[in-house]
All heavy atoms as atom14 arrays in JSON, in Angstrom:
{
  "sequence": "RIGFQGRRYETSTLGTKRFHDKFDDYLAFLEPRLREAYRILAPHGS",
  "atom14_mask": [
    [1, 1, 1, 1, 1, 1, 1, 1, 1, 1, 1, 0, 0, 0],
    [1, 1, 1, 1, 1, 1, 1, 1, 0, 0, 0, 0, 0, 0],
    [1, 1, 1, 1, 0, 0, 0, 0, 0, 0, 0, 0, 0, 0],
    [1, 1, 1, 1, 1, 1, 1, 1, 1, 1, 1, 0, 0, 0],
    [1, 1, 1, 1, 1, 1, 1, 1, 1, 0, 0, 0, 0, 0],
    [1, 1, 1, 1, 0, 0, 0, 0, 0, 0, 0, 0, 0, 0],
    [1, 1, 1, 1, 1, 1, 1, 1, 1, 1, 1, 0, 0, 0],
    [1, 1, 1, 1, 1, 1, 1, 1, 1, 1, 1, 0, 0, 0],
    [1, 1, 1, 1, 1, 1, 1, 1, 1, 1, 1, 1, 0, 0],
    [1, 1, 1, 1, 1, 1, 1, 1, 1, 0, 0, 0, 0, 0],
    [1, 1, 1, 1, 1, 1, 1, 0, 0, 0, 0, 0, 0, 0],
    [1, 1, 1, 1, 1, 1, 0, 0, 0, 0, 0, 0, 0, 0],
    [1, 1, 1, 1, 1, 1, 1, 0, 0, 0, 0, 0, 0, 0],
    [1, 1, 1, 1, 1, 1, 1, 1, 0, 0, 0, 0, 0, 0],
    [1, 1, 1, 1, 0, 0, 0, 0, 0, 0, 0, 0, 0, 0],
    [1, 1, 1, 1, 1, 1, 1, 0, 0, 0, 0, 0, 0, 0],
    [1, 1, 1, 1, 1, 1, 1, 1, 1, 0, 0, 0, 0, 0],
    [1, 1, 1, 1, 1, 1, 1, 1, 1, 1, 1, 0, 0, 0],
    [1, 1, 1, 1, 1, 1, 1, 1, 1, 1, 1, 0, 0, 0],
    [1, 1, 1, 1, 1, 1, 1, 1, 1, 1, 0, 0, 0, 0],
    [1, 1, 1, 1, 1, 1, 1, 1, 0, 0, 0, 0, 0, 0],
    [1, 1, 1, 1, 1, 1, 1, 1, 1, 0, 0, 0, 0, 0],
    [1, 1, 1, 1, 1, 1, 1, 1, 1, 1, 1, 0, 0, 0],
    [1, 1, 1, 1, 1, 1, 1, 1, 0, 0, 0, 0, 0, 0],
    [1, 1, 1, 1, 1, 1, 1, 1, 0, 0, 0, 0, 0, 0],
    [1, 1, 1, 1, 1, 1, 1, 1, 1, 1, 1, 1, 0, 0],
    [1, 1, 1, 1, 1, 1, 1, 1, 0, 0, 0, 0, 0, 0],
    [1, 1, 1, 1, 1, 0, 0, 0, 0, 0, 0, 0, 0, 0],
    [1, 1, 1, 1, 1, 1, 1, 1, 1, 1, 1, 0, 0, 0],
    [1, 1, 1, 1, 1, 1, 1, 1, 0, 0, 0, 0, 0, 0],
    [1, 1, 1, 1, 1, 1, 1, 1, 1, 0, 0, 0, 0, 0],
    [1, 1, 1, 1, 1, 1, 1, 0, 0, 0, 0, 0, 0, 0],
    [1, 1, 1, 1, 1, 1, 1, 1, 1, 1, 1, 0, 0, 0],
    [1, 1, 1, 1, 1, 1, 1, 1, 0, 0, 0, 0, 0, 0],
    [1, 1, 1, 1, 1, 1, 1, 1, 1, 1, 1, 0, 0, 0],
    [1, 1, 1, 1, 1, 1, 1, 1, 1, 0, 0, 0, 0, 0],
    [1, 1, 1, 1, 1, 0, 0, 0, 0, 0, 0, 0, 0, 0],
    [1, 1, 1, 1, 1, 1, 1, 1, 1, 1, 1, 1, 0, 0],
    [1, 1, 1, 1, 1, 1, 1, 1, 1, 1, 1, 0, 0, 0],
    [1, 1, 1, 1, 1, 1, 1, 1, 0, 0, 0, 0, 0, 0],
    [1, 1, 1, 1, 1, 1, 1, 1, 0, 0, 0, 0, 0, 0],
    [1, 1, 1, 1, 1, 0, 0, 0, 0, 0, 0, 0, 0, 0],
    [1, 1, 1, 1, 1, 1, 1, 0, 0, 0, 0, 0, 0, 0],
    [1, 1, 1, 1, 1, 1, 1, 1, 1, 1, 0, 0, 0, 0],
    [1, 1, 1, 1, 0, 0, 0, 0, 0, 0, 0, 0, 0, 0],
    [1, 1, 1, 1, 1, 1, 0, 0, 0, 0, 0, 0, 0, 0]
  ],
  "atom14_positions": [
    [[0.82, -1.15, 0.03], [0.03, 0.0, -0.01], [0.95, 1.23, -0.06], [1.91, 1.31, 0.56], [-0.98, 0.05, 1.25], [-1.88, -1.07, 1.31], [-2.62, -1.17, 2.64], [-3.3, 0.04, 2.93], [-4.0, 0.38, 3.98], [-3.91, -0.53, 4.93], [-4.67, 1.53, 4.14], [0.0, 0.0, 0.0], [0.0, 0.0, 0.0], [0.0, 0.0, 0.0]],
    [[0.31, 2.29, -0.62], [1.08, 3.5, -0.64], [0.17, 4.56, 0.06], [-0.89, 4.73, -0.1], [1.32, 4.01, -2.17], [2.24, 3.0, -2.94], [2.02, 5.39, -2.09], [2.33, 3.43, -4.33], [0.0, 0.0, 0.0], [0.0, 0.0, 0.0], [0.0, 0.0, 0.0], [0.0, 0.0, 0.0], [0.0, 0.0, 0.0], [0.0, 0.0, 0.0]],
    [[0.94, 5.21, 1.0], [0.2, 6.24, 1.87], [0.8, 7.56, 1.78], [1.17, 8.02, 0.66], [0.0, 0.0, 0.0], [0.0, 0.0, 0.0], [0.0, 0.0, 0.0], [0.0, 0.0, 0.0], [0.0, 0.0, 0.0], [0.0, 0.0, 0.0], [0.0, 0.0, 0.0], [0.0, 0.0, 0.0], [0.0, 0.0, 0.0], [0.0, 0.0, 0.0]],
    [[0.81, 8.27, 2.84], [1.17, 9.74, 2.76], [2.6, 9.92, 2.31], [3.47, 9.18, 2.58], [1.08, 10.24, 4.3], [1.41, 11.73, 4.49], [0.66, 12.7, 3.81], [2.51, 12.11, 5.13], [0.86, 13.99, 3.98], [2.8, 13.33, 5.29], [1.99, 14.4, 4.71], [0.0, 0.0, 0.0], [0.0, 0.0, 0.0], [0.0, 0.0, 0.0]],
    [[2.74, 10.93, 1.37], [4.11, 11.17, 0.75], [4.64, 10.08, 0.14], [5.78, 10.06, -0.05], [5.01, 11.78, 1.73], [4.55, 13.23, 2.33], [5.47, 13.82, 3.37], [6.39, 13.13, 3.84], [5.39, 15.08, 3.5], [0.0, 0.0, 0.0], [0.0, 0.0, 0.0], [0.0, 0.0, 0.0], [0.0, 0.0, 0.0], [0.0, 0.0, 0.0]],
    [[3.81, 9.17, -0.55], [4.32, 8.14, -1.25], [5.02, 6.94, -0.43], [5.59, 6.04, -1.05], [0.0, 0.0, 0.0], [0.0, 0.0, 0.0], [0.0, 0.0, 0.0], [0.0, 0.0, 0.0], [0.0, 0.0, 0.0], [0.0, 0.0, 0.0], [0.0, 0.0, 0.0], [0.0, 0.0, 0.0], [0.0, 0.0, 0.0], [0.0, 0.0, 0.0]],
    [[4.88, 6.94, 0.91], [5.47, 5.91, 1.59], [4.79, 4.66, 1.46], [3.55, 4.72, 1.41], [5.58, 6.33, 3.25], [6.41, 7.62, 3.44], [6.25, 8.16, 4.79], [7.13, 9.3, 5.06], [6.89, 10.11, 5.9], [5.92, 9.96, 6.79], [7.72, 11.16, 6.2], [0.0, 0.0, 0.0], [0.0, 0.0, 0.0], [0.0, 0.0, 0.0]],
    [[5.47, 3.62, 1.55], [4.84, 2.26, 1.36], [4.61, 1.63, 2.8], [5.41, 1.75, 3.65], [5.79, 1.29, 0.57], [5.81, 1.68, -0.96], [6.37, 0.59, -1.76], [6.17, 0.86, -3.25], [5.17, 0.41, -3.88], [4.2, -0.31, -3.32], [5.01, 0.68, -5.19], [0.0, 0.0, 0.0], [0.0, 0.0, 0.0], [0.0, 0.0, 0.0]],
    [[3.48, 0.81, 2.72], [3.09, 0.19, 4.01], [2.66, -1.26, 3.75], [2.2, -1.61, 2.66], [1.94, 0.99, 4.67], [2.27, 2.27, 5.2], [2.24, 3.35, 4.33], [2.7, 2.55, 6.49], [2.54, 4.6, 4.71], [2.92, 3.81, 6.91], [2.92, 4.87, 6.14], [3.17, 6.21, 6.57], [0.0, 0.0, 0.0], [0.0, 0.0, 0.0]],
    [[2.98, -2.09, 4.64], [2.58, -3.62, 4.58], [1.45, -3.8, 5.61], [1.48, -3.42, 6.75], [3.86, -4.44, 4.91], [3.45, -5.89, 4.7], [4.76, -6.78, 5.0], [5.81, -6.28, 5.38], [4.62, -8.07, 4.97], [0.0, 0.0, 0.0], [0.0, 0.0, 0.0], [0.0, 0.0, 0.0], [0.0, 0.0, 0.0], [0.0, 0.0, 0.0]],
    [[0.5, -4.4, 5.09], [-0.72, -4.84, 5.9], [-0.61, -6.31, 6.37], [-0.51, -7.11, 5.43], [-1.98, -4.49, 5.33], [-1.99, -3.19, 4.83], [-3.18, -4.92, 6.18], [0.0, 0.0, 0.0], [0.0, 0.0, 0.0], [0.0, 0.0, 0.0], [0.0, 0.0, 0.0], [0.0, 0.0, 0.0], [0.0, 0.0, 0.0], [0.0, 0.0, 0.0]],
    [[-0.74, -6.7, 7.63], [-0.94, -7.97, 8.03], [-2.1, -8.2, 8.87], [-2.56, -7.29, 9.58], [0.34, -8.44, 8.87], [0.49, -7.45, 9.99], [0.0, 0.0, 0.0], [0.0, 0.0, 0.0], [0.0, 0.0, 0.0], [0.0, 0.0, 0.0], [0.0, 0.0, 0.0], [0.0, 0.0, 0.0], [0.0, 0.0, 0.0], [0.0, 0.0, 0.0]],
    [[-2.66, -9.44, 8.81], [-3.91, -9.79, 9.51], [-3.56, -10.32, 10.91], [-2.72, -11.21, 11.0], [-4.69, -10.78, 8.74], [-5.04, -10.3, 7.49], [-5.96, -11.28, 9.46], [0.0, 0.0, 0.0], [0.0, 0.0, 0.0], [0.0, 0.0, 0.0], [0.0, 0.0, 0.0], [0.0, 0.0, 0.0], [0.0, 0.0, 0.0], [0.0, 0.0, 0.0]],
    [[-4.14, -9.84, 11.89], [-3.91, -10.16, 13.31], [-4.8, -11.36, 13.77], [-4.48, -11.98, 14.67], [-3.99, -8.99, 14.23], [-3.11, -7.87, 14.06], [-3.37, -6.6, 15.1], [-1.64, -8.15, 14.12], [0.0, 0.0, 0.0], [0.0, 0.0, 0.0], [0.0, 0.0, 0.0], [0.0, 0.0, 0.0], [0.0, 0.0, 0.0], [0.0, 0.0, 0.0]],
    [[-5.91, -11.37, 13.1], [-6.83, -12.56, 13.45], [-8.33, -12.05, 13.15], [-8.63, -10.89, 13.01], [0.0, 0.0, 0.0], [0.0, 0.0, 0.0], [0.0, 0.0, 0.0], [0.0, 0.0, 0.0], [0.0, 0.0, 0.0], [0.0, 0.0, 0.0], [0.0, 0.0, 0.0], [0.0, 0.0, 0.0], [0.0, 0.0, 0.0], [0.0, 0.0, 0.0]],
    [[-9.22, -13.07, 13.18], [-10.58, -12.85, 12.96], [-11.34, -13.53, 14.06], [-11.16, -14.68, 14.46], [-11.08, -13.41, 11.62], [-10.29, -12.72, 10.65], [-12.56, -13.27, 11.42], [0.0, 0.0, 0.0], [0.0, 0.0, 0.0], [0.0, 0.0, 0.0], [0.0, 0.0, 0.0], [0.0, 0.0, 0.0], [0.0, 0.0, 0.0], [0.0, 0.0, 0.0]],
    [[-12.33, -12.75, 14.64], [-13.25, -13.33, 15.64], [-14.64, -13.43, 14.98], [-15.06, -12.52, 14.34], [-13.29, -12.35, 16.87], [-12.03, -12.0, 17.49], [-11.26, -13.11, 18.0], [-9.9, -12.81, 18.68], [-9.18, -13.93, 19.11], [0.0, 0.0, 0.0], [0.0, 0.0, 0.0], [0.0, 0.0, 0.0], [0.0, 0.0, 0.0], [0.0, 0.0, 0.0]],
    [[-15.25, -14.41, 15.35], [-16.57, -14.58, 14.57], [-17.51, -15.52, 15.48], [-17.13, -16.21, 16.43], [-16.43, -15.32, 13.23], [-15.73, -16.69, 13.29], [-15.72, -17.47, 11.94], [-14.92, -16.68, 11.07], [-13.6, -16.67, 10.88], [-12.88, -17.57, 11.76], [-12.96, -16.13, 10.14], [0.0, 0.0, 0.0], [0.0, 0.0, 0.0], [0.0, 0.0, 0.0]],
    [[-18.77, -15.39, 15.18], [-19.8, -16.32, 15.73], [-20.97, -16.23, 14.79], [-21.33, -15.37, 14.16], [-20.22, -15.96, 17.28], [-20.98, -14.72, 17.34], [-22.35, -14.53, 17.22], [-20.26, -13.45, 17.63], [-23.04, -13.42, 17.3], [-21.04, -12.26, 17.84], [-22.35, -12.33, 17.62], [0.0, 0.0, 0.0], [0.0, 0.0, 0.0], [0.0, 0.0, 0.0]],
    [[-21.71, -17.4, 14.96], [-23.02, -17.59, 14.08], [-24.12, -16.98, 14.75], [-24.41, -17.06, 15.92], [-23.22, -19.1, 13.68], [-22.17, -19.71, 13.03], [-21.83, -19.37, 11.67], [-21.23, -20.66, 13.4], [-20.78, -20.07, 11.28], [-20.39, -20.99, 12.35], [0.0, 0.0, 0.0], [0.0, 0.0, 0.0], [0.0, 0.0, 0.0], [0.0, 0.0, 0.0]],
    [[-24.98, -16.25, 13.98], [-26.04, -15.55, 14.51], [-27.36, -15.83, 13.69], [-27.98, -14.97, 13.07], [-25.76, -13.93, 14.44], [-26.74, -13.13, 15.13], [-27.67, -13.66, 15.86], [-26.79, -11.91, 14.94], [0.0, 0.0, 0.0], [0.0, 0.0, 0.0], [0.0, 0.0, 0.0], [0.0, 0.0, 0.0], [0.0, 0.0, 0.0], [0.0, 0.0, 0.0]],
    [[-27.83, -17.17, 13.79], [-29.03, -17.43, 13.09], [-29.7, -18.53, 13.95], [-29.09, -19.58, 14.29], [-28.68, -18.01, 11.71], [-29.92, -18.45, 10.89], [-29.46, -18.91, 9.51], [-30.75, -19.24, 8.67], [-30.44, -19.72, 7.31], [0.0, 0.0, 0.0], [0.0, 0.0, 0.0], [0.0, 0.0, 0.0], [0.0, 0.0, 0.0], [0.0, 0.0, 0.0]],
    [[-30.95, -18.45, 14.08], [-31.75, -19.4, 14.9], [-33.15, -19.51, 14.15], [-33.7, -18.69, 13.8], [-32.12, -18.74, 16.36], [-30.87, -18.35, 17.1], [-30.28, -17.22, 17.05], [-30.33, -19.33, 17.99], [-29.16, -16.86, 17.78], [-29.25, -19.02, 18.71], [-28.61, -17.81, 18.65], [0.0, 0.0, 0.0], [0.0, 0.0, 0.0], [0.0, 0.0, 0.0]],
    [[-33.45, -20.87, 14.1], [-34.75, -21.25, 13.53], [-35.84, -20.83, 14.47], [-36.92, -20.44, 13.92], [-34.78, -22.85, 13.44], [-33.81, -23.28, 12.28], [-33.46, -22.41, 11.36], [-33.33, -24.38, 12.41], [0.0, 0.0, 0.0], [0.0, 0.0, 0.0], [0.0, 0.0, 0.0], [0.0, 0.0, 0.0], [0.0, 0.0, 0.0], [0.0, 0.0, 0.0]],
    [[-35.78, -20.91, 15.73], [-36.73, -20.43, 16.75], [-36.05, -19.6, 17.83], [-35.58, -20.15, 18.81], [-37.45, -21.6, 17.29], [-38.66, -21.2, 18.03], [-38.73, -20.03, 18.48], [-39.63, -21.95, 18.22], [0.0, 0.0, 0.0], [0.0, 0.0, 0.0], [0.0, 0.0, 0.0], [0.0, 0.0, 0.0], [0.0, 0.0, 0.0], [0.0, 0.0, 0.0]],
    [[-35.93, -18.29, 17.58], [-35.12, -17.43, 18.42], [-35.69, -17.58, 19.95], [-34.85, -17.57, 20.89], [-35.2, -16.08, 17.91], [-34.31, -15.02, 18.67], [-32.9, -15.16, 18.64], [-34.86, -13.95, 19.38], [-32.06, -14.34, 19.32], [-34.02, -13.03, 19.98], [-32.66, -13.2, 19.98], [-31.78, -12.3, 20.59], [0.0, 0.0, 0.0], [0.0, 0.0, 0.0]],
    [[-36.93, -17.32, 20.05], [-37.55, -17.36, 21.36], [-37.4, -18.65, 22.1], [-37.18, -18.73, 23.42], [-38.95, -16.96, 21.41], [-39.27, -15.44, 21.0], [-40.79, -15.17, 21.31], [-38.37, -14.52, 21.69], [0.0, 0.0, 0.0], [0.0, 0.0, 0.0], [0.0, 0.0, 0.0], [0.0, 0.0, 0.0], [0.0, 0.0, 0.0], [0.0, 0.0, 0.0]],
    [[-37.41, -19.87, 21.44], [-37.24, -21.09, 22.03], [-35.89, -21.25, 22.58], [-35.51, -21.9, 23.57], [-37.38, -22.24, 21.06], [0.0, 0.0, 0.0], [0.0, 0.0, 0.0], [0.0, 0.0, 0.0], [0.0, 0.0, 0.0], [0.0, 0.0, 0.0], [0.0, 0.0, 0.0], [0.0, 0.0, 0.0], [0.0, 0.0, 0.0], [0.0, 0.0, 0.0]],
    [[-34.9, -20.6, 21.84], [-33.42, -20.44, 22.35], [-33.43, -19.57, 23.57], [-32.77, -19.89, 24.56], [-32.52, -19.96, 21.33], [-31.21, -19.49, 21.69], [-30.36, -20.32, 22.16], [-31.01, -18.14, 21.75], [-28.99, -19.9, 22.54], [-29.73, -17.65, 22.13], [-28.67, -18.55, 22.58], [0.0, 0.0, 0.0], [0.0, 0.0, 0.0], [0.0, 0.0, 0.0]],
    [[-34.03, -18.42, 23.52], [-33.93, -17.4, 24.59], [-34.64, -17.66, 25.78], [-34.19, -17.35, 27.06], [-34.25, -16.05, 24.03], [-33.72, -14.78, 24.64], [-32.2, -14.81, 24.56], [-34.15, -13.51, 23.79], [0.0, 0.0, 0.0], [0.0, 0.0, 0.0], [0.0, 0.0, 0.0], [0.0, 0.0, 0.0], [0.0, 0.0, 0.0], [0.0, 0.0, 0.0]],
    [[-35.85, -18.16, 25.8], [-36.78, -18.21, 26.84], [-36.25, -18.92, 28.07], [-36.25, -18.49, 29.14], [-38.05, -18.79, 26.39], [-39.12, -18.95, 27.53], [-40.54, -19.35, 27.15], [-40.66, -19.83, 25.9], [-41.44, -19.32, 27.98], [0.0, 0.0, 0.0], [0.0, 0.0, 0.0], [0.0, 0.0, 0.0], [0.0, 0.0, 0.0], [0.0, 0.0, 0.0]],
    [[-35.68, -20.19, 27.92], [-35.29, -20.92, 29.07], [-34.04, -20.16, 29.77], [-34.01, -20.33, 31.03], [-34.82, -22.35, 28.44], [-34.58, -22.15, 27.18], [-35.51, -20.97, 26.7], [0.0, 0.0, 0.0], [0.0, 0.0, 0.0], [0.0, 0.0, 0.0], [0.0, 0.0, 0.0], [0.0, 0.0, 0.0], [0.0, 0.0, 0.0], [0.0, 0.0, 0.0]],
    [[-33.28, -19.48, 29.06], [-32.13, -18.67, 29.6], [-32.8, -17.49, 30.45], [-32.23, -17.27, 31.49], [-31.21, -18.3, 28.55], [-30.48, -19.46, 28.0], [-29.86, -19.33, 26.55], [-29.05, -20.33, 26.17], [-29.48, -21.39, 25.68], [-30.73, -21.69, 25.45], [-28.66, -22.49, 25.33], [0.0, 0.0, 0.0], [0.0, 0.0, 0.0], [0.0, 0.0, 0.0]],
    [[-33.69, -16.86, 29.89], [-34.26, -15.71, 30.62], [-34.93, -16.13, 31.83], [-35.05, -15.53, 32.83], [-35.17, -14.96, 29.65], [-34.49, -14.33, 28.41], [-35.61, -13.41, 27.64], [-33.32, -13.35, 28.94], [0.0, 0.0, 0.0], [0.0, 0.0, 0.0], [0.0, 0.0, 0.0], [0.0, 0.0, 0.0], [0.0, 0.0, 0.0], [0.0, 0.0, 0.0]],
    [[-35.68, -17.4, 31.75], [-36.37, -17.84, 32.9], [-35.46, -18.11, 34.13], [-35.71, -17.94, 35.24], [-37.21, -19.05, 32.65], [-38.39, -18.66, 31.78], [-39.54, -19.76, 31.6], [-40.64, -19.35, 30.82], [-41.69, -18.67, 31.18], [-41.74, -18.25, 32.51], [-42.57, -18.3, 30.52], [0.0, 0.0, 0.0], [0.0, 0.0, 0.0], [0.0, 0.0, 0.0]],
    [[-34.35, -18.73, 33.75], [-33.31, -19.09, 34.75], [-32.79, -17.74, 35.32], [-32.51, -17.67, 36.54], [-32.19, -19.9, 34.11], [-32.58, -21.34, 34.01], [-32.83, -22.13, 35.14], [-32.14, -21.79, 36.24], [-33.67, -23.02, 35.32], [0.0, 0.0, 0.0], [0.0, 0.0, 0.0], [0.0, 0.0, 0.0], [0.0, 0.0, 0.0], [0.0, 0.0, 0.0]],
    [[-32.44, -16.77, 34.48], [-31.99, -15.43, 34.83], [-32.92, -14.71, 35.85], [-32.47, -14.14, 36.83], [-31.69, -14.63, 33.75], [0.0, 0.0, 0.0], [0.0, 0.0, 0.0], [0.0, 0.0, 0.0], [0.0, 0.0, 0.0], [0.0, 0.0, 0.0], [0.0, 0.0, 0.0], [0.0, 0.0, 0.0], [0.0, 0.0, 0.0], [0.0, 0.0, 0.0]],
    [[-34.22, -14.9, 35.52], [-35.17, -14.31, 36.41], [-35.11, -15.02, 37.84], [-35.19, -14.29, 38.88], [-36.6, -14.51, 35.84], [-37.71, -13.91, 36.7], [-37.99, -12.55, 36.72], [-38.38, -14.82, 37.6], [-39.1, -12.07, 37.47], [-39.38, -14.19, 38.49], [-39.66, -12.88, 38.35], [-40.63, -12.33, 39.22], [0.0, 0.0, 0.0], [0.0, 0.0, 0.0]],
    [[-34.94, -16.22, 37.92], [-34.73, -16.84, 39.27], [-33.57, -16.36, 39.96], [-33.48, -16.2, 41.19], [-34.68, -18.38, 39.06], [-34.47, -19.25, 40.21], [-34.17, -20.73, 39.87], [-33.06, -20.97, 39.1], [-31.78, -20.95, 39.5], [-31.54, -20.71, 40.7], [-30.88, -21.18, 38.54], [0.0, 0.0, 0.0], [0.0, 0.0, 0.0], [0.0, 0.0, 0.0]],
    [[-32.47, -16.21, 39.16], [-31.14, -15.89, 39.71], [-31.15, -14.43, 40.25], [-30.4, -13.92, 41.09], [-30.08, -15.97, 38.68], [-29.86, -17.58, 38.45], [-28.74, -15.43, 39.18], [-29.09, -17.88, 37.13], [0.0, 0.0, 0.0], [0.0, 0.0, 0.0], [0.0, 0.0, 0.0], [0.0, 0.0, 0.0], [0.0, 0.0, 0.0], [0.0, 0.0, 0.0]],
    [[-32.03, -13.6, 39.67], [-32.06, -12.05, 39.83], [-32.59, -11.87, 41.32], [-33.58, -12.52, 41.75], [-32.93, -11.37, 38.88], [-33.03, -9.88, 38.94], [-31.59, -9.26, 38.57], [-34.06, -9.33, 37.97], [0.0, 0.0, 0.0], [0.0, 0.0, 0.0], [0.0, 0.0, 0.0], [0.0, 0.0, 0.0], [0.0, 0.0, 0.0], [0.0, 0.0, 0.0]],
    [[-32.02, -11.01, 42.18], [-32.32, -10.73, 43.47], [-33.71, -10.05, 43.54], [-34.11, -9.5, 42.5], [-31.26, -9.8, 44.17], [0.0, 0.0, 0.0], [0.0, 0.0, 0.0], [0.0, 0.0, 0.0], [0.0, 0.0, 0.0], [0.0, 0.0, 0.0], [0.0, 0.0, 0.0], [0.0, 0.0, 0.0], [0.0, 0.0, 0.0], [0.0, 0.0, 0.0]],
    [[-34.46, -10.08, 44.6], [-35.76, -9.55, 44.71], [-35.72, -7.99, 44.34], [-36.8, -7.49, 43.96], [-36.07, -9.79, 46.16], [-35.43, -10.94, 46.59], [-34.06, -10.79, 45.87], [0.0, 0.0, 0.0], [0.0, 0.0, 0.0], [0.0, 0.0, 0.0], [0.0, 0.0, 0.0], [0.0, 0.0, 0.0], [0.0, 0.0, 0.0], [0.0, 0.0, 0.0]],
    [[-34.59, -7.25, 44.6], [-34.51, -5.93, 44.24], [-33.8, -5.64, 42.91], [-33.45, -4.47, 42.63], [-33.68, -5.18, 45.35], [-32.32, -5.82, 45.5], [-32.12, -6.74, 46.38], [-31.19, -5.49, 44.94], [-30.74, -7.05, 46.32], [-30.22, -6.22, 45.41], [0.0, 0.0, 0.0], [0.0, 0.0, 0.0], [0.0, 0.0, 0.0], [0.0, 0.0, 0.0]],
    [[-33.67, -6.68, 42.2], [-32.69, -6.68, 40.95], [-33.35, -6.0, 39.84], [-34.61, -5.84, 39.58], [0.0, 0.0, 0.0], [0.0, 0.0, 0.0], [0.0, 0.0, 0.0], [0.0, 0.0, 0.0], [0.0, 0.0, 0.0], [0.0, 0.0, 0.0], [0.0, 0.0, 0.0], [0.0, 0.0, 0.0], [0.0, 0.0, 0.0], [0.0, 0.0, 0.0]],
    [[-32.47, -5.61, 38.87], [-32.85, -5.05, 37.66], [-32.26, -5.86, 36.51], [-31.25, -6.57, 36.66], [-32.24, -3.59, 37.49], [-32.81, -2.76, 38.47], [0.0, 0.0, 0.0], [0.0, 0.0, 0.0], [0.0, 0.0, 0.0], [0.0, 0.0, 0.0], [0.0, 0.0, 0.0], [0.0, 0.0, 0.0], [0.0, 0.0, 0.0], [0.0, 0.0, 0.0]]
  ]
}
């Protein structure tokens, strides 16, 4: 790559982070986790 004042630069990849974000039934995935979290939440909790 050529940058400011014609200086050359080399680009290297440090790494890629990824995760899959697709659910056939989103609420079926989320609901049991939220129900457990409700139990775990303190009586004064947010």
